[in-house]
Amino acid sequence: QVKSQFERRANMNCVTFTAIVYRTQVVAGTMYYIKVQVSEAEYVHLKVFQHLPHENQGPSLENFQTGKTRDDPLTYF
């Protein structure tokens, strides 16, 4: 659901956009940290905020890190 937000902000066009692993952090909603494969050898880490259900808002891309590999640990940022 945040692919278009990422592509626009990173100025990339991703043919592949596959979540590999994720972590969560509960705040006033849920913060997701997601490792996403965007090409055969390139990965990005996304920080996505999911609002509480009563707010009726979809997920929003808060931040991202590019230039990651499959072996890079997924950490809070």
PDB file of N, CA and C in Angstrom:
ATOM      1  N   GLN A   1       0.805  -1.211   0.000  1.00  0.00           N
ATOM      2  CA  GLN A   1       0.000   0.000   0.000  1.00  0.00           C
ATOM      3  C   GLN A   1       0.844   1.270   0.000  1.00  0.00           C
ATOM      4  N   VAL A   2       2.131   1.153   0.313  1.00  0.00           N
ATOM      5  CA  VAL A   2       2.983   2.344   0.324  1.00  0.00           C
ATOM      6  C   VAL A   2       3.967   2.368  -0.848  1.00  0.00           C
ATOM      7  N   LYS A   3       3.818   1.455  -1.781  1.00  0.00           N
ATOM      8  CA  LYS A   3       4.745   1.392  -2.919  1.00  0.00           C
ATOM      9  C   LYS A   3       4.785   2.715  -3.679  1.00  0.00           C
ATOM     10  N   SER A   4       3.637   3.274  -4.001  1.00  0.00           N
ATOM     11  CA  SER A   4       3.615   4.527  -4.767  1.00  0.00           C
ATOM     12  C   SER A   4       4.230   5.677  -3.967  1.00  0.00           C
ATOM     13  N   GLN A   5       4.012   5.701  -2.652  1.00  0.00           N
ATOM     14  CA  GLN A   5       4.627   6.735  -1.817  1.00  0.00           C
ATOM     15  C   GLN A   5       6.148   6.613  -1.862  1.00  0.00           C
ATOM     16  N   PHE A   6       6.651   5.379  -1.763  1.00  0.00           N
ATOM     17  CA  PHE A   6       8.096   5.167  -1.808  1.00  0.00           C
ATOM     18  C   PHE A   6       8.663   5.554  -3.172  1.00  0.00           C
ATOM     19  N   GLU A   7       8.046   5.096  -4.238  1.00  0.00           N
ATOM     20  CA  GLU A   7       8.552   5.387  -5.579  1.00  0.00           C
ATOM     21  C   GLU A   7       8.624   6.890  -5.839  1.00  0.00           C
ATOM     22  N   ARG A   8       7.620   7.603  -5.393  1.00  0.00           N
ATOM     23  CA  ARG A   8       7.592   9.054  -5.592  1.00  0.00           C
ATOM     24  C   ARG A   8       8.703   9.740  -4.784  1.00  0.00           C
ATOM     25  N   ARG A   9       8.845   9.385  -3.527  1.00  0.00           N
ATOM     26  CA  ARG A   9       9.831  10.043  -2.667  1.00  0.00           C
ATOM     27  C   ARG A   9      11.263   9.634  -2.986  1.00  0.00           C
ATOM     28  N   ALA A  10      11.477   8.384  -3.421  1.00  0.00           N
ATOM     29  CA  ALA A  10      12.827   7.908  -3.728  1.00  0.00           C
ATOM     30  C   ALA A  10      13.179   8.127  -5.195  1.00  0.00           C
ATOM     31  N   ASN A  11      12.211   8.589  -5.975  1.00  0.00           N
ATOM     32  CA  ASN A  11      12.395   8.803  -7.413  1.00  0.00           C
ATOM     33  C   ASN A  11      12.860   7.512  -8.092  1.00  0.00           C
ATOM     34  N   MET A  12      12.148   6.421  -7.786  1.00  0.00           N
ATOM     35  CA  MET A  12      12.462   5.103  -8.339  1.00  0.00           C
ATOM     36  C   MET A  12      11.195   4.506  -8.927  1.00  0.00           C
ATOM     37  N   ASN A  13      11.380   3.604  -9.883  1.00  0.00           N
ATOM     38  CA  ASN A  13      10.279   2.821 -10.417  1.00  0.00           C
ATOM     39  C   ASN A  13      10.614   1.363 -10.133  1.00  0.00           C
ATOM     40  N   CYS A  14       9.892   0.739  -9.214  1.00  0.00           N
ATOM     41  CA  CYS A  14      10.213  -0.611  -8.761  1.00  0.00           C
ATOM     42  C   CYS A  14       9.344  -1.648  -9.461  1.00  0.00           C
ATOM     43  N   VAL A  15       9.988  -2.530 -10.225  1.00  0.00           N
ATOM     44  CA  VAL A  15       9.267  -3.648 -10.823  1.00  0.00           C
ATOM     45  C   VAL A  15       8.985  -4.676  -9.742  1.00  0.00           C
ATOM     46  N   THR A  16       9.993  -4.939  -8.914  1.00  0.00           N
ATOM     47  CA  THR A  16       9.859  -5.847  -7.776  1.00  0.00           C
ATOM     48  C   THR A  16       9.635  -4.998  -6.531  1.00  0.00           C
ATOM     49  N   PHE A  17       8.716  -5.432  -5.683  1.00  0.00           N
ATOM     50  CA  PHE A  17       8.462  -4.738  -4.412  1.00  0.00           C
ATOM     51  C   PHE A  17       7.899  -5.773  -3.453  1.00  0.00           C
ATOM     52  N   THR A  18       8.809  -6.570  -2.880  1.00  0.00           N
ATOM     53  CA  THR A  18       8.412  -7.711  -2.066  1.00  0.00           C
ATOM     54  C   THR A  18       8.914  -7.562  -0.645  1.00  0.00           C
ATOM     55  N   ALA A  19       8.007  -7.582   0.313  1.00  0.00           N
ATOM     56  CA  ALA A  19       8.392  -7.519   1.726  1.00  0.00           C
ATOM     57  C   ALA A  19       9.047  -8.839   2.110  1.00  0.00           C
ATOM     58  N   ILE A  20      10.213  -8.743   2.765  1.00  0.00           N
ATOM     59  CA  ILE A  20      10.967  -9.929   3.162  1.00  0.00           C
ATOM     60  C   ILE A  20      10.760 -10.231   4.641  1.00  0.00           C
ATOM     61  N   VAL A  21      10.872  -9.197   5.466  1.00  0.00           N
ATOM     62  CA  VAL A  21      10.729  -9.353   6.914  1.00  0.00           C
ATOM     63  C   VAL A  21      10.249  -8.017   7.480  1.00  0.00           C
ATOM     64  N   TYR A  22       9.611  -8.056   8.645  1.00  0.00           N
ATOM     65  CA  TYR A  22       9.173  -6.807   9.267  1.00  0.00           C
ATOM     66  C   TYR A  22       9.239  -6.912  10.778  1.00  0.00           C
ATOM     67  N   ARG A  23       9.268  -5.749  11.418  1.00  0.00           N
ATOM     68  CA  ARG A  23       9.196  -5.614  12.872  1.00  0.00           C
ATOM     69  C   ARG A  23       8.126  -4.572  13.165  1.00  0.00           C
ATOM     70  N   THR A  24       7.582  -4.615  14.356  1.00  0.00           N
ATOM     71  CA  THR A  24       6.577  -3.620  14.728  1.00  0.00           C
ATOM     72  C   THR A  24       6.981  -2.928  16.016  1.00  0.00           C
ATOM     73  N   GLN A  25       6.445  -1.725  16.167  1.00  0.00           N
ATOM     74  CA  GLN A  25       6.613  -0.944  17.392  1.00  0.00           C
ATOM     75  C   GLN A  25       5.271  -0.271  17.643  1.00  0.00           C
ATOM     76  N   VAL A  26       4.686  -0.519  18.797  1.00  0.00           N
ATOM     77  CA  VAL A  26       3.391   0.057  19.112  1.00  0.00           C
ATOM     78  C   VAL A  26       3.600   1.468  19.657  1.00  0.00           C
ATOM     79  N   VAL A  27       2.939   2.425  19.010  1.00  0.00           N
ATOM     80  CA  VAL A  27       2.934   3.828  19.436  1.00  0.00           C
ATOM     81  C   VAL A  27       1.459   4.219  19.467  1.00  0.00           C
ATOM     82  N   ALA A  28       1.082   5.415  19.096  1.00  0.00           N
ATOM     83  CA  ALA A  28      -0.343   5.769  18.988  1.00  0.00           C
ATOM     84  C   ALA A  28      -0.812   5.271  17.623  1.00  0.00           C
ATOM     85  N   GLY A  29      -0.741   3.981  17.455  1.00  0.00           N
ATOM     86  CA  GLY A  29      -0.926   3.278  16.190  1.00  0.00           C
ATOM     87  C   GLY A  29       0.171   2.231  16.157  1.00  0.00           C
ATOM     88  N   THR A  30       0.576   1.803  14.977  1.00  0.00           N
ATOM     89  CA  THR A  30       1.656   0.829  14.865  1.00  0.00           C
ATOM     90  C   THR A  30       2.679   1.308  13.853  1.00  0.00           C
ATOM     91  N   MET A  31       3.937   1.270  14.236  1.00  0.00           N
ATOM     92  CA  MET A  31       5.032   1.595  13.339  1.00  0.00           C
ATOM     93  C   MET A  31       5.584   0.278  12.825  1.00  0.00           C
ATOM     94  N   TYR A  32       5.642   0.132  11.508  1.00  0.00           N
ATOM     95  CA  TYR A  32       6.201  -1.058  10.888  1.00  0.00           C
ATOM     96  C   TYR A  32       7.546  -0.719  10.274  1.00  0.00           C
ATOM     97  N   TYR A  33       8.520  -1.564  10.514  1.00  0.00           N
ATOM     98  CA  TYR A  33       9.832  -1.471   9.880  1.00  0.00           C
ATOM     99  C   TYR A  33       9.913  -2.673   8.950  1.00  0.00           C
ATOM    100  N   ILE A  34      10.031  -2.423   7.656  1.00  0.00           N
ATOM    101  CA  ILE A  34       9.885  -3.485   6.665  1.00  0.00           C
ATOM    102  C   ILE A  34      11.094  -3.513   5.736  1.00  0.00           C
ATOM    103  N   LYS A  35      11.683  -4.695   5.565  1.00  0.00           N
ATOM    104  CA  LYS A  35      12.740  -4.885   4.571  1.00  0.00           C
ATOM    105  C   LYS A  35      12.050  -5.304   3.279  1.00  0.00           C
ATOM    106  N   VAL A  36      12.296  -4.531   2.214  1.00  0.00           N
ATOM    107  CA  VAL A  36      11.620  -4.768   0.934  1.00  0.00           C
ATOM    108  C   VAL A  36      12.661  -4.984  -0.160  1.00  0.00           C
ATOM    109  N   GLN A  37      12.462  -6.042  -0.941  1.00  0.00           N
ATOM    110  CA  GLN A  37      13.323  -6.287  -2.094  1.00  0.00           C
ATOM    111  C   GLN A  37      12.793  -5.481  -3.269  1.00  0.00           C
ATOM    112  N   VAL A  38      13.656  -4.622  -3.863  1.00  0.00           N
ATOM    113  CA  VAL A  38      13.222  -3.763  -4.966  1.00  0.00           C
ATOM    114  C   VAL A  38      13.896  -4.128  -6.289  1.00  0.00           C
ATOM    115  N   SER A  39      14.900  -4.998  -6.243  1.00  0.00           N
ATOM    116  CA  SER A  39      15.511  -5.543  -7.460  1.00  0.00           C
ATOM    117  C   SER A  39      16.180  -6.850  -7.053  1.00  0.00           C
ATOM    118  N   GLU A  40      16.851  -7.479  -7.993  1.00  0.00           N
ATOM    119  CA  GLU A  40      17.454  -8.778  -7.689  1.00  0.00           C
ATOM    120  C   GLU A  40      18.432  -8.709  -6.516  1.00  0.00           C
ATOM    121  N   ALA A  41      19.202  -7.619  -6.434  1.00  0.00           N
ATOM    122  CA  ALA A  41      20.213  -7.521  -5.383  1.00  0.00           C
ATOM    123  C   ALA A  41      20.037  -6.311  -4.477  1.00  0.00           C
ATOM    124  N   GLU A  42      18.990  -5.512  -4.666  1.00  0.00           N
ATOM    125  CA  GLU A  42      18.831  -4.277  -3.882  1.00  0.00           C
ATOM    126  C   GLU A  42      17.618  -4.363  -2.963  1.00  0.00           C
ATOM    127  N   TYR A  43      17.838  -3.865  -1.758  1.00  0.00           N
ATOM    128  CA  TYR A  43      16.792  -3.857  -0.743  1.00  0.00           C
ATOM    129  C   TYR A  43      16.681  -2.462  -0.157  1.00  0.00           C
ATOM    130  N   VAL A  44      15.517  -2.152   0.374  1.00  0.00           N
ATOM    131  CA  VAL A  44      15.307  -0.901   1.095  1.00  0.00           C
ATOM    132  C   VAL A  44      14.632  -1.238   2.417  1.00  0.00           C
ATOM    133  N   HIS A  45      14.800  -0.367   3.386  1.00  0.00           N
ATOM    134  CA  HIS A  45      14.112  -0.495   4.665  1.00  0.00           C
ATOM    135  C   HIS A  45      13.090   0.632   4.740  1.00  0.00           C
ATOM    136  N   LEU A  46      11.852   0.282   5.030  1.00  0.00           N
ATOM    137  CA  LEU A  46      10.776   1.258   5.114  1.00  0.00           C
ATOM    138  C   LEU A  46      10.309   1.399   6.558  1.00  0.00           C
ATOM    139  N   LYS A  47       9.924   2.601   6.908  1.00  0.00           N
ATOM    140  CA  LYS A  47       9.294   2.882   8.203  1.00  0.00           C
ATOM    141  C   LYS A  47       7.886   3.366   7.871  1.00  0.00           C
ATOM    142  N   VAL A  48       6.883   2.553   8.207  1.00  0.00           N
ATOM    143  CA  VAL A  48       5.500   2.812   7.815  1.00  0.00           C
ATOM    144  C   VAL A  48       4.634   2.936   9.063  1.00  0.00           C
ATOM    145  N   PHE A  49       3.846   3.988   9.125  1.00  0.00           N
ATOM    146  CA  PHE A  49       2.956   4.197  10.261  1.00  0.00           C
ATOM    147  C   PHE A  49       1.528   3.829   9.889  1.00  0.00           C
ATOM    148  N   GLN A  50       0.924   2.956  10.694  1.00  0.00           N
ATOM    149  CA  GLN A  50      -0.480   2.598  10.522  1.00  0.00           C
ATOM    150  C   GLN A  50      -1.266   3.237  11.657  1.00  0.00           C
ATOM    151  N   HIS A  51      -2.151   4.140  11.304  1.00  0.00           N
ATOM    152  CA  HIS A  51      -2.962   4.854  12.292  1.00  0.00           C
ATOM    153  C   HIS A  51      -3.907   3.894  13.008  1.00  0.00           C
ATOM    154  N   LEU A  52      -4.445   4.344  14.117  1.00  0.00           N
ATOM    155  CA  LEU A  52      -5.430   3.554  14.845  1.00  0.00           C
ATOM    156  C   LEU A  52      -6.686   3.396  13.983  1.00  0.00           C
ATOM    157  N   PRO A  53      -7.410   2.289  14.144  1.00  0.00           N
ATOM    158  CA  PRO A  53      -8.568   2.014  13.280  1.00  0.00           C
ATOM    159  C   PRO A  53      -9.624   3.125  13.248  1.00  0.00           C
ATOM    160  N   HIS A  54      -9.885   3.774  14.372  1.00  0.00           N
ATOM    161  CA  HIS A  54     -10.947   4.788  14.398  1.00  0.00           C
ATOM    162  C   HIS A  54     -10.573   6.055  13.623  1.00  0.00           C
ATOM    163  N   GLU A  55      -9.296   6.191  13.238  1.00  0.00           N
ATOM    164  CA  GLU A  55      -8.869   7.371  12.483  1.00  0.00           C
ATOM    165  C   GLU A  55      -9.151   7.242  10.983  1.00  0.00           C
ATOM    166  N   ASN A  56      -9.514   6.029  10.539  1.00  0.00           N
ATOM    167  CA  ASN A  56      -9.868   5.779   9.141  1.00  0.00           C
ATOM    168  C   ASN A  56      -8.847   6.321   8.146  1.00  0.00           C
ATOM    169  N   GLN A  57      -7.567   6.044   8.397  1.00  0.00           N
ATOM    170  CA  GLN A  57      -6.498   6.449   7.482  1.00  0.00           C
ATOM    171  C   GLN A  57      -5.661   5.236   7.137  1.00  0.00           C
ATOM    172  N   GLY A  58      -5.188   5.206   5.913  1.00  0.00           N
ATOM    173  CA  GLY A  58      -4.326   4.120   5.481  1.00  0.00           C
ATOM    174  C   GLY A  58      -2.912   4.297   5.999  1.00  0.00           C
ATOM    175  N   PRO A  59      -2.049   3.354   5.694  1.00  0.00           N
ATOM    176  CA  PRO A  59      -0.667   3.447   6.127  1.00  0.00           C
ATOM    177  C   PRO A  59       0.064   4.586   5.423  1.00  0.00           C
ATOM    178  N   SER A  60       1.033   5.184   6.122  1.00  0.00           N
ATOM    179  CA  SER A  60       1.811   6.264   5.517  1.00  0.00           C
ATOM    180  C   SER A  60       3.299   5.978   5.675  1.00  0.00           C
ATOM    181  N   LEU A  61       4.041   6.250   4.618  1.00  0.00           N
ATOM    182  CA  LEU A  61       5.483   6.065   4.626  1.00  0.00           C
ATOM    183  C   LEU A  61       6.118   7.216   5.399  1.00  0.00           C
ATOM    184  N   GLU A  62       6.752   6.899   6.522  1.00  0.00           N
ATOM    185  CA  GLU A  62       7.362   7.919   7.372  1.00  0.00           C
ATOM    186  C   GLU A  62       8.800   8.196   6.968  1.00  0.00           C
ATOM    187  N   ASN A  63       9.534   7.139   6.620  1.00  0.00           N
ATOM    188  CA  ASN A  63      10.940   7.282   6.291  1.00  0.00           C
ATOM    189  C   ASN A  63      11.386   6.030   5.554  1.00  0.00           C
ATOM    190  N   PHE A  64      12.563   6.084   4.942  1.00  0.00           N
ATOM    191  CA  PHE A  64      13.114   4.908   4.271  1.00  0.00           C
ATOM    192  C   PHE A  64      14.625   5.020   4.194  1.00  0.00           C
ATOM    193  N   GLN A  65      15.268   3.868   4.011  1.00  0.00           N
ATOM    194  CA  GLN A  65      16.714   3.796   3.832  1.00  0.00           C
ATOM    195  C   GLN A  65      16.980   2.954   2.601  1.00  0.00           C
ATOM    196  N   THR A  66      17.777   3.466   1.670  1.00  0.00           N
ATOM    197  CA  THR A  66      18.103   2.734   0.453  1.00  0.00           C
ATOM    198  C   THR A  66      19.511   2.152   0.556  1.00  0.00           C
ATOM    199  N   GLY A  67      19.900   1.381  -0.455  1.00  0.00           N
ATOM    200  CA  GLY A  67      21.244   0.816  -0.499  1.00  0.00           C
ATOM    201  C   GLY A  67      21.471  -0.317   0.478  1.00  0.00           C
ATOM    202  N   LYS A  68      20.433  -1.015   0.839  1.00  0.00           N
ATOM    203  CA  LYS A  68      20.543  -2.123   1.788  1.00  0.00           C
ATOM    204  C   LYS A  68      20.739  -3.441   1.040  1.00  0.00           C
ATOM    205  N   THR A  69      21.245  -4.455   1.761  1.00  0.00           N
ATOM    206  CA  THR A  69      21.381  -5.797   1.205  1.00  0.00           C
ATOM    207  C   THR A  69      20.468  -6.738   1.973  1.00  0.00           C
ATOM    208  N   ARG A  70      20.353  -7.956   1.465  1.00  0.00           N
ATOM    209  CA  ARG A  70      19.500  -8.938   2.142  1.00  0.00           C
ATOM    210  C   ARG A  70      20.014  -9.231   3.555  1.00  0.00           C
ATOM    211  N   ASP A  71      21.313  -9.114   3.757  1.00  0.00           N
ATOM    212  CA  ASP A  71      21.905  -9.454   5.052  1.00  0.00           C
ATOM    213  C   ASP A  71      21.921  -8.310   6.054  1.00  0.00           C
ATOM    214  N   ASP A  72      21.623  -7.088   5.625  1.00  0.00           N
ATOM    215  CA  ASP A  72      21.604  -5.961   6.555  1.00  0.00           C
ATOM    216  C   ASP A  72      20.515  -6.165   7.606  1.00  0.00           C
ATOM    217  N   PRO A  73      20.828  -5.981   8.888  1.00  0.00           N
ATOM    218  CA  PRO A  73      19.812  -6.156   9.927  1.00  0.00           C
ATOM    219  C   PRO A  73      18.743  -5.057   9.829  1.00  0.00           C
ATOM    220  N   LEU A  74      17.531  -5.441  10.088  1.00  0.00           N
ATOM    221  CA  LEU A  74      16.413  -4.508  10.107  1.00  0.00           C
ATOM    222  C   LEU A  74      16.310  -3.924  11.514  1.00  0.00           C
ATOM    223  N   THR A  75      16.633  -2.630  11.643  1.00  0.00           N
ATOM    224  CA  THR A  75      16.651  -1.984  12.949  1.00  0.00           C
ATOM    225  C   THR A  75      15.683  -0.813  12.959  1.00  0.00           C
ATOM    226  N   TYR A  76      15.339  -0.348  14.144  1.00  0.00           N
ATOM    227  CA  TYR A  76      14.507   0.826  14.283  1.00  0.00           C
ATOM    228  C   TYR A  76      15.293   2.053  13.837  1.00  0.00           C
ATOM    229  N   PHE A  77      14.671   2.936  13.089  1.00  0.00           N
ATOM    230  CA  PHE A  77      15.335   4.171  12.667  1.00  0.00           C
ATOM    231  C   PHE A  77      14.339   5.302  12.605  1.00  0.00           C
TER     232      PHE A  77
END
